[in-house]
Protein backbone atom coordinates (compact mmCIF):
# COMPACT_ATOMS: atom_id res chain seq x y z
CA MET A 1 0.06 -0.01 -0.10
CA LEU A 2 1.08 3.51 -0.69
CA ASP A 3 1.95 5.60 2.29
CA THR A 4 0.52 9.08 2.89
CA SER A 5 3.19 11.24 1.37
CA THR A 6 2.99 9.33 -1.83
CA ILE A 7 -0.83 9.90 -1.93
CA VAL A 8 -0.33 13.60 -1.17
CA ILE A 9 2.32 13.90 -4.00
CA ILE A 10 -0.12 12.06 -6.52
CA VAL A 11 -3.07 14.34 -5.62
CA VAL A 12 -0.96 17.48 -5.93
CA ALA A 13 0.36 16.28 -9.32
CA VAL A 14 -3.27 15.54 -10.48
CA VAL A 15 -4.37 19.00 -9.10
CA LEU A 16 -1.64 20.63 -10.98
CA LEU A 17 -2.36 18.78 -14.19
CA VAL A 18 -5.98 19.63 -13.87
CA LEU A 19 -5.01 23.48 -13.39
CA LEU A 20 -2.58 23.49 -16.41
CA ILE A 21 -5.02 21.95 -18.53
CA ALA A 22 -7.68 24.55 -17.26
CA SER A 23 -5.21 27.51 -17.90
CA LEU A 24 -4.68 26.60 -21.49
CA ARG A 25 -6.61 28.62 -24.00
CA ILE A 26 -6.34 27.75 -27.88
CA VAL A 27 -7.64 30.69 -29.88
CA ARG A 28 -8.64 29.92 -33.61
CA GLN A 29 -7.88 31.85 -36.46
CA ALA A 30 -9.92 34.75 -37.32
CA THR A 31 -11.23 34.98 -33.76
CA ALA A 32 -10.27 36.95 -30.55
CA VAL A 33 -11.03 36.46 -26.84
CA VAL A 34 -11.08 39.04 -24.35
CA VAL A 35 -9.72 38.10 -20.85
CA GLU A 36 -10.75 39.68 -17.69
CA ARG A 37 -8.76 39.69 -14.30
CA LEU A 38 -10.77 40.13 -11.13
CA GLY A 39 -13.59 41.52 -13.14
CA LYS A 40 -11.64 44.12 -15.03
CA PHE A 41 -10.30 44.11 -18.62
CA ASN A 42 -6.94 42.70 -18.77
CA ARG A 43 -5.99 41.71 -22.39
CA VAL A 44 -7.06 40.27 -25.81
CA LEU A 45 -5.98 36.86 -26.74
CA GLU A 46 -5.05 36.37 -30.38
CA THR A 47 -4.63 33.38 -32.59
CA GLY A 48 -2.40 30.70 -30.95
CA ILE A 49 -1.94 29.04 -27.48
CA HIS A 50 -2.21 31.12 -24.37
CA LEU A 51 -1.98 30.51 -20.55
CA ILE A 52 -4.54 32.22 -18.13
CA ILE A 53 -4.66 32.24 -14.25
CA PRO A 54 -7.24 29.94 -13.09
CA PHE A 55 -10.02 31.44 -10.80
CA ILE A 56 -8.20 34.81 -11.19
CA GLU A 57 -8.90 35.56 -15.00
CA ARG A 58 -11.92 34.86 -16.97
CA VAL A 59 -12.25 34.55 -20.63
CA TYR A 60 -15.37 35.73 -22.69
CA PRO A 61 -16.45 33.47 -25.73
CA PRO A 62 -14.58 33.92 -28.80
CA ILE A 63 -15.36 36.85 -31.02
CA SER A 64 -15.39 36.26 -34.75
CA LEU A 65 -13.08 38.64 -36.73
CA LYS A 66 -14.60 37.59 -40.20
CA GLU A 67 -17.00 39.64 -42.21
CA ARG A 68 -20.68 39.14 -41.02
CA VAL A 69 -24.01 39.58 -42.83
CA ALA A 70 -27.03 41.01 -40.97
CA ASP A 71 -30.22 40.75 -43.09
CA PHE A 72 -32.82 42.94 -41.41
CA ALA A 73 -36.56 42.46 -41.83
CA PRO A 74 -38.39 45.10 -43.87
CA GLN A 75 -39.17 48.39 -42.25
CA PRO A 76 -42.02 50.80 -43.27
CA VAL A 77 -40.43 54.00 -44.58
CA ILE A 78 -42.48 57.22 -45.64
CA THR A 79 -41.04 59.02 -48.59
CA LYS A 80 -41.13 63.10 -48.96
CA ASP A 81 -44.40 62.79 -51.22
CA ASN A 82 -46.12 60.65 -48.27
CA VAL A 83 -45.68 57.19 -49.92
CA THR A 84 -45.16 54.25 -47.35
CA MET A 85 -42.81 51.75 -48.57
CA GLN A 86 -41.48 48.45 -47.18
CA ILE A 87 -37.64 48.36 -47.36
CA ASP A 88 -35.37 45.74 -46.05
CA THR A 89 -31.60 46.08 -45.89
CA VAL A 90 -28.57 43.97 -45.91
CA VAL A 91 -25.43 45.12 -43.79
CA TYR A 92 -22.07 43.68 -44.04
CA PHE A 93 -19.77 44.40 -41.12
CA SER A 94 -16.65 43.28 -39.20
CA VAL A 95 -15.45 43.59 -35.71
CA THR A 96 -11.99 45.73 -35.61
CA ASP A 97 -11.82 46.21 -31.88
CA PRO A 98 -12.77 43.01 -29.56
CA LYS A 99 -12.62 45.03 -26.45
CA LEU A 100 -14.90 47.86 -27.83
CA PHE A 101 -17.28 45.25 -29.24
CA SER A 102 -17.46 43.64 -25.79
CA TYR A 103 -17.89 46.81 -23.78
CA GLY A 104 -19.13 49.32 -26.12
CA VAL A 105 -22.87 48.42 -26.44
CA ASP A 106 -25.08 45.74 -25.09
CA ASN A 107 -26.46 43.35 -28.20
CA PRO A 108 -24.35 45.06 -30.90
CA ILE A 109 -26.45 43.36 -33.70
CA ARG A 110 -29.73 44.82 -32.24
CA ALA A 111 -28.15 48.11 -32.07
CA ILE A 112 -27.01 47.92 -35.65
CA GLU A 113 -30.49 47.08 -36.58
CA ASN A 114 -32.13 50.01 -34.95
CA LEU A 115 -29.60 52.36 -36.06
CA THR A 116 -30.11 51.16 -39.73
CA ALA A 117 -33.73 51.51 -39.62
CA THR A 118 -33.57 55.15 -38.02
CA THR A 119 -30.89 56.12 -40.81
CA LEU A 120 -32.99 54.61 -43.73
CA ARG A 121 -36.07 56.51 -42.65
CA ASN A 122 -34.07 59.83 -42.32
CA LEU A 123 -32.60 59.25 -45.83
CA VAL A 124 -35.77 58.15 -47.68
CA GLY A 125 -37.81 60.83 -45.88
CA GLU A 126 -35.80 63.50 -47.86
CA LEU A 127 -36.56 61.55 -51.24
CA GLU A 128 -39.73 61.42 -53.24
CA LEU A 129 -40.78 58.01 -54.67
CA ASP A 130 -39.16 58.10 -57.84
CA GLU A 131 -35.76 59.45 -56.43
CA THR A 132 -35.88 56.43 -53.97
CA LEU A 133 -36.27 53.99 -56.68
CA THR A 134 -33.62 55.33 -58.91
CA SER A 135 -31.22 56.57 -56.19
CA ARG A 136 -30.58 53.25 -54.47
CA ASP A 137 -26.80 53.46 -54.88
CA THR A 138 -26.61 56.92 -53.35
CA VAL A 139 -28.73 55.80 -50.26
CA ASN A 140 -26.64 52.92 -49.93
CA SER A 141 -23.35 55.08 -49.85
CA LYS A 142 -24.71 57.56 -47.40
CA MET A 143 -25.95 55.00 -45.24
CA ARG A 144 -22.72 53.04 -45.15
CA ALA A 145 -20.89 56.35 -44.27
CA ILE A 146 -23.42 57.18 -41.63
CA LEU A 147 -23.42 53.71 -39.93
CA ASP A 148 -19.76 53.28 -39.99
CA GLU A 149 -19.21 56.66 -38.05
CA ALA A 150 -21.96 55.62 -35.62
CA THR A 151 -20.48 52.11 -34.82
CA ASP A 152 -16.84 53.11 -34.63
CA PRO A 153 -17.13 53.38 -30.94
CA TRP A 154 -18.50 49.84 -30.81
CA GLY A 155 -15.42 48.38 -32.36
CA ILE A 156 -17.51 47.59 -35.70
CA LYS A 157 -16.61 48.62 -39.16
CA ILE A 158 -19.33 48.70 -41.65
CA ASN A 159 -18.16 47.56 -45.06
CA ARG A 160 -21.23 47.78 -47.02
CA VAL A 161 -25.13 48.33 -47.05
CA GLU A 162 -27.67 47.34 -49.57
CA LEU A 163 -31.16 48.02 -49.95
CA LYS A 164 -32.36 44.48 -50.87
CA ASN A 165 -36.19 45.12 -51.74
CA ILE A 166 -38.01 48.14 -52.13
CA LEU A 167 -41.86 47.59 -52.19
CA PRO A 168 -44.39 50.50 -52.72
CA PRO A 169 -47.87 50.27 -52.10
CA LYS A 170 -50.06 47.75 -54.07
CA ASP A 171 -51.69 50.20 -56.39
CA ILE A 172 -48.28 51.90 -57.11
CA GLN A 173 -46.71 48.46 -57.98
CA ASP A 174 -49.57 47.95 -60.44
CA ALA A 175 -49.14 51.31 -62.07
CA MET A 176 -45.54 50.67 -62.38
CA GLU A 177 -46.19 47.00 -63.94
CA LYS A 178 -48.55 48.35 -66.51
CA GLN A 179 -46.25 51.15 -67.34
CA MET A 180 -43.40 48.61 -67.70
CA ARG A 181 -45.64 46.43 -69.77
CA ALA A 182 -46.45 49.38 -71.99
CA GLU A 183 -42.99 50.26 -72.31
CA ARG A 184 -42.09 46.70 -73.49
CA GLU A 185 -44.78 46.46 -75.92
CA ARG A 186 -43.69 50.13 -77.43
CA ARG A 187 -40.06 48.81 -77.79
CA GLU A 188 -41.36 45.65 -79.55
CA ALA A 189 -43.49 47.72 -82.03
CA ILE A 190 -40.34 49.65 -82.55
CA LEU A 191 -38.23 46.69 -83.18
CA LYS A 192 -40.97 45.10 -85.48
CA ALA A 193 -41.24 48.24 -87.36
CA GLU A 194 -37.33 48.53 -87.76
CA GLY A 195 -37.22 44.96 -88.92
CA GLU A 196 -39.82 45.41 -91.56
CA LYS A 197 -38.33 48.63 -92.78
CA ARG A 198 -35.01 46.87 -93.13
CA SER A 199 -36.65 44.07 -95.01
CA ASN A 200 -38.38 46.34 -97.44
CA ILE A 201 -35.04 48.11 -97.80
CA LEU A 202 -33.31 44.97 -98.58
CA VAL A 203 -36.11 43.79 -101.04
CA ALA A 204 -35.91 47.24 -102.93
CA GLU A 205 -31.98 47.03 -102.93
CA GLY A 206 -32.29 43.36 -104.41
CA GLU A 207 -34.77 44.52 -107.27
CA LYS A 208 -32.61 47.63 -108.04
CA GLU A 209 -29.56 45.51 -108.47
CA ALA A 210 -31.42 42.98 -110.49
CA LEU A 211 -32.58 45.65 -112.81
CA ILE A 212 -29.21 47.10 -113.14
CA LEU A 213 -27.84 43.60 -113.86
CA ARG A 214 -30.45 43.04 -116.58
CA ALA A 215 -29.84 46.44 -118.14
CA GLU A 216 -26.24 45.62 -118.03
CA ALA A 217 -26.66 42.31 -119.77
CA ARG A 218 -28.79 44.01 -122.50
CA LYS A 219 -26.13 46.44 -122.88
CA GLN A 220 -23.28 44.09 -123.23
CA ALA A 221 -25.26 41.95 -125.80
CA ALA A 222 -26.05 44.90 -127.85
CA ILE A 223 -22.44 45.82 -127.78
CA ALA A 224 -21.38 42.25 -128.75
CA GLU A 225 -24.07 42.33 -131.69
CA ALA A 226 -22.85 45.64 -132.84
CA GLU A 227 -19.29 44.43 -132.75
CA GLY A 228 -20.19 41.37 -134.53
CA THR A 229 -21.83 43.48 -137.26
CA ALA A 230 -19.07 45.88 -137.59
CA THR A 231 -16.63 42.70 -138.02
CA ALA A 232 -18.73 41.21 -140.46
CA ILE A 233 -18.92 44.61 -142.56
CA LYS A 234 -15.10 44.97 -142.09
CA MET A 235 -14.43 41.47 -143.45
CA ILE A 236 -16.94 42.05 -146.45
CA ASN A 237 -15.11 45.28 -147.15
CA GLU A 238 -11.81 43.72 -146.95
CA ALA A 239 -12.76 40.83 -149.45
CA ASN A 240 -13.84 43.54 -151.87
CA PRO A 241 -17.23 41.84 -153.20
CA ASN A 242 -18.16 42.54 -156.69
CA ALA A 243 -21.55 43.78 -157.68
CA ALA A 244 -23.01 40.26 -158.31
CA TYR A 245 -22.49 39.39 -154.70
CA LEU A 246 -23.81 42.53 -153.46
CA THR A 247 -27.04 41.95 -155.56
CA LEU A 248 -27.35 38.47 -154.30
CA ARG A 249 -27.08 39.76 -150.61
CA GLY A 250 -29.88 42.26 -151.54
CA TYR A 251 -32.04 39.56 -152.68
CA GLU A 252 -31.53 37.76 -149.63
CA ALA A 253 -32.66 40.63 -147.71
CA LEU A 254 -35.58 41.14 -149.88
CA LYS A 255 -36.60 37.61 -149.09
CA VAL A 256 -36.52 38.27 -145.54
CA VAL A 257 -38.63 41.48 -145.78
CA ALA A 258 -41.13 39.55 -147.94
CA ASP A 259 -41.44 36.92 -145.30
CA GLY A 260 -42.82 39.48 -142.94
CA LYS A 261 -46.17 40.70 -142.22
CA SER A 262 -45.85 43.94 -144.19
CA THR A 263 -48.43 44.55 -147.04
CA LYS A 264 -46.37 47.21 -148.59
CA LEU A 265 -42.92 46.86 -149.89
CA ILE A 266 -40.52 49.37 -151.16
CA ILE A 267 -37.72 47.71 -153.58
CA PRO A 268 -34.59 49.66 -154.16
CA SER A 269 -33.83 50.00 -157.82
CA GLU A 270 -30.53 48.07 -157.35
CA ILE A 271 -32.54 44.75 -156.87
CA GLN A 272 -34.11 45.03 -160.16
CA ASN A 273 -30.87 43.67 -161.72
CA VAL A 274 -31.45 40.29 -159.95
CA ALA A 275 -33.16 38.94 -163.00
CA GLY A 276 -30.05 39.68 -165.35
CA LEU A 277 -27.73 38.09 -162.67
CA LEU A 278 -29.54 34.92 -162.41
CA ALA A 279 -29.46 34.66 -166.27
CA SER A 280 -25.65 35.17 -166.24
CA LEU A 281 -25.25 32.74 -163.46
CA LYS A 282 -27.33 30.23 -165.56
CA GLU A 283 -24.95 30.37 -168.38
CA VAL A 284 -21.83 30.14 -166.48
CA VAL A 285 -23.46 26.83 -164.93
CA LYS A 286 -24.27 25.49 -168.57
CA GLU A 287 -20.64 26.15 -169.55
CA ASP A 288 -19.29 24.36 -166.65
CA GLN A 289 -21.24 21.28 -167.33
CA LYS A 290 -20.13 21.03 -171.19
CA ASP A 291 -16.52 21.17 -169.97
């Protein structure tokens, strides 16, 4: 059996081990821990392993240093032209000073919500309905600046404020929807008219190009025919044809004219020598046959 001194040593060792374990504090990344000594603020523990004095020092729950998002319920807001709207806001903030956050204000989130609602009413109360709907970015910027200044003594940094939804009264919503629908229909009508106009222009341009091409084709054909006739005449002139050939060609032309539908013909005097020409040709043929 163990003697009394051994038991005392073991008990003391166990107590010391328990006290050592109880004095250890591990602070996680992006968090901070406030330490009080005998009820008074002593220090802030940052990321890592720390020792505290058991029973003398007391630690607060860890405070997150990450950016937080607070989505507040819709608030009734009256505009300058006496229109009541429901606006809900989203606030992005982070803790920059754990000490001020712990001792600056009781229930910081609730305090930010009330401050946001008050600031929103003040800003929107200076704007008319149309300005409120079109100046959302301006309202966001002003609210962020005002809230950031107001929450600075609480160790809070306001990073961004967003007006998530702006809901006017039902009758105004209906009127806005009708206006938007009419605007969409007007734009569709304009687009349709522009499309038809463009289509008609393309058709007209196509017809114009077709007419130009057909006229150009006729022109080229006429030029080709004229060039062919000129070439034929040149060749005939270069061949120096005799009177008999010319008279025969005239006879052929006369035949073509006679085949037409005209009932009255005017025959040049030169064509009258065709009979004599034919008689001469007949005699030439007979002589060839005798030979």
